[in-house]
């Protein structure tokens, strides 16, 4: 969700979205490390392709998640 979509939500909907989107940094760090291990294994065994691209995409999604949560926190702070 971007900032304009968040501003269109009601207060109750915004609080519900905030409750459901809390990041869990320990679990995210575990999965990012696991995916990096898969990438390293695929490079060592010379198997380039989806085995390398899919973990890179998933790492991008895991790193993008806290930015969405920051935008949500800013909207909550703006509305108090």
C-alpha atoms as a PDB file:
ATOM      1  CA  UNK A   1       0.000   0.000   0.000  1.00  0.00           C
ATOM      2  CA  UNK A   2       1.255   3.438  -0.830  1.00  0.00           C
ATOM      3  CA  UNK A   3       0.653   6.670   1.035  1.00  0.00           C
ATOM      4  CA  UNK A   4      -2.436   7.659  -0.992  1.00  0.00           C
ATOM      5  CA  UNK A   5      -4.123   4.306  -0.397  1.00  0.00           C
ATOM      6  CA  UNK A   6      -3.417   4.559   3.324  1.00  0.00           C
ATOM      7  CA  UNK A   7      -4.890   8.042   3.531  1.00  0.00           C
ATOM      8  CA  UNK A   8      -8.178   6.789   2.050  1.00  0.00           C
ATOM      9  CA  UNK A   9      -8.704   4.168   4.764  1.00  0.00           C
ATOM     10  CA  UNK A  10     -10.867   4.876   7.778  1.00  0.00           C
ATOM     11  CA  UNK A  11      -9.291   4.957  11.233  1.00  0.00           C
ATOM     12  CA  UNK A  12     -10.550   1.486  12.156  1.00  0.00           C
ATOM     13  CA  UNK A  13      -9.345  -0.040   8.883  1.00  0.00           C
ATOM     14  CA  UNK A  14      -5.963   1.639   9.322  1.00  0.00           C
ATOM     15  CA  UNK A  15      -5.578   0.206  12.826  1.00  0.00           C
ATOM     16  CA  UNK A  16      -6.516  -3.259  11.551  1.00  0.00           C
ATOM     17  CA  UNK A  17      -3.966  -3.048   8.727  1.00  0.00           C
ATOM     18  CA  UNK A  18      -1.312  -1.907  11.216  1.00  0.00           C
ATOM     19  CA  UNK A  19      -2.064  -4.834  13.516  1.00  0.00           C
ATOM     20  CA  UNK A  20      -1.780  -7.372  10.680  1.00  0.00           C
ATOM     21  CA  UNK A  21       1.428  -5.927   9.160  1.00  0.00           C
ATOM     22  CA  UNK A  22       3.789  -5.880  12.120  1.00  0.00           C
ATOM     23  CA  UNK A  23       7.234  -6.968  10.930  1.00  0.00           C
ATOM     24  CA  UNK A  24       9.061  -9.783  12.663  1.00  0.00           C
ATOM     25  CA  UNK A  25      12.753  -9.021  12.125  1.00  0.00           C
ATOM     26  CA  UNK A  26      14.085 -12.304  13.549  1.00  0.00           C
ATOM     27  CA  UNK A  27      11.993 -14.458  11.218  1.00  0.00           C
ATOM     28  CA  UNK A  28      12.740 -12.185   8.248  1.00  0.00           C
ATOM     29  CA  UNK A  29      16.486 -12.350   8.988  1.00  0.00           C
ATOM     30  CA  UNK A  30      16.317 -16.155   9.186  1.00  0.00           C
ATOM     31  CA  UNK A  31      14.579 -16.433   5.813  1.00  0.00           C
ATOM     32  CA  UNK A  32      16.935 -13.917   4.174  1.00  0.00           C
ATOM     33  CA  UNK A  33      19.924 -15.918   5.437  1.00  0.00           C
ATOM     34  CA  UNK A  34      18.351 -19.144   4.220  1.00  0.00           C
ATOM     35  CA  UNK A  35      17.727 -17.650   0.770  1.00  0.00           C
ATOM     36  CA  UNK A  36      21.287 -16.319   0.584  1.00  0.00           C
ATOM     37  CA  UNK A  37      22.453 -19.853   1.369  1.00  0.00           C
ATOM     38  CA  UNK A  38      20.404 -21.169  -1.544  1.00  0.00           C
ATOM     39  CA  UNK A  39      21.944 -18.557  -3.843  1.00  0.00           C
ATOM     40  CA  UNK A  40      25.483 -19.440  -2.709  1.00  0.00           C
ATOM     41  CA  UNK A  41      24.776 -23.148  -3.211  1.00  0.00           C
ATOM     42  CA  UNK A  42      23.433 -22.532  -6.716  1.00  0.00           C
ATOM     43  CA  UNK A  43      26.493 -20.455  -7.632  1.00  0.00           C
ATOM     44  CA  UNK A  44      28.907 -23.083  -6.287  1.00  0.00           C
ATOM     45  CA  UNK A  45      27.149 -25.913  -8.119  1.00  0.00           C
ATOM     46  CA  UNK A  46      26.897 -23.863 -11.349  1.00  0.00           C
ATOM     47  CA  UNK A  47      23.103 -24.013 -11.577  1.00  0.00           C
ATOM     48  CA  UNK A  48      22.073 -20.527 -12.640  1.00  0.00           C
ATOM     49  CA  UNK A  49      18.466 -19.787 -13.456  1.00  0.00           C
ATOM     50  CA  UNK A  50      15.309 -19.885 -11.394  1.00  0.00           C
ATOM     51  CA  UNK A  51      17.218 -21.362  -8.470  1.00  0.00           C
ATOM     52  CA  UNK A  52      19.065 -18.047  -8.232  1.00  0.00           C
ATOM     53  CA  UNK A  53      16.419 -15.575  -9.394  1.00  0.00           C
ATOM     54  CA  UNK A  54      13.537 -16.664  -7.155  1.00  0.00           C
ATOM     55  CA  UNK A  55      15.489 -16.248  -3.879  1.00  0.00           C
ATOM     56  CA  UNK A  56      16.702 -12.820  -5.048  1.00  0.00           C
ATOM     57  CA  UNK A  57      13.109 -11.752  -5.651  1.00  0.00           C
ATOM     58  CA  UNK A  58      12.005 -13.068  -2.254  1.00  0.00           C
ATOM     59  CA  UNK A  59      14.870 -11.236  -0.523  1.00  0.00           C
ATOM     60  CA  UNK A  60      13.702  -8.042  -2.227  1.00  0.00           C
ATOM     61  CA  UNK A  61      10.185  -8.594  -0.869  1.00  0.00           C
ATOM     62  CA  UNK A  62      11.490  -9.221   2.659  1.00  0.00           C
ATOM     63  CA  UNK A  63      13.560  -6.021   2.536  1.00  0.00           C
ATOM     64  CA  UNK A  64      10.657  -3.974   1.167  1.00  0.00           C
ATOM     65  CA  UNK A  65       8.264  -5.015   3.950  1.00  0.00           C
ATOM     66  CA  UNK A  66       9.637  -2.670   6.680  1.00  0.00           C
ATOM     67  CA  UNK A  67       9.353   0.319   4.319  1.00  0.00           C
ATOM     68  CA  UNK A  68       5.640  -0.336   3.919  1.00  0.00           C
ATOM     69  CA  UNK A  69       5.312  -0.576   7.689  1.00  0.00           C
ATOM     70  CA  UNK A  70       7.104   2.774   8.110  1.00  0.00           C
ATOM     71  CA  UNK A  71       4.591   4.438   5.759  1.00  0.00           C
ATOM     72  CA  UNK A  72       1.795   2.894   7.795  1.00  0.00           C
ATOM     73  CA  UNK A  73       3.314   4.180  11.045  1.00  0.00           C
ATOM     74  CA  UNK A  74       3.632   7.673   9.582  1.00  0.00           C
ATOM     75  CA  UNK A  75      -0.043   7.685   8.603  1.00  0.00           C
ATOM     76  CA  UNK A  76      -1.026   6.490  12.085  1.00  0.00           C
ATOM     77  CA  UNK A  77       1.115   9.202  13.657  1.00  0.00           C
ATOM     78  CA  UNK A  78      -0.419  11.821  11.343  1.00  0.00           C
ATOM     79  CA  UNK A  79      -3.926  10.816  12.416  1.00  0.00           C
ATOM     80  CA  UNK A  80      -2.886  10.327  16.019  1.00  0.00           C
END
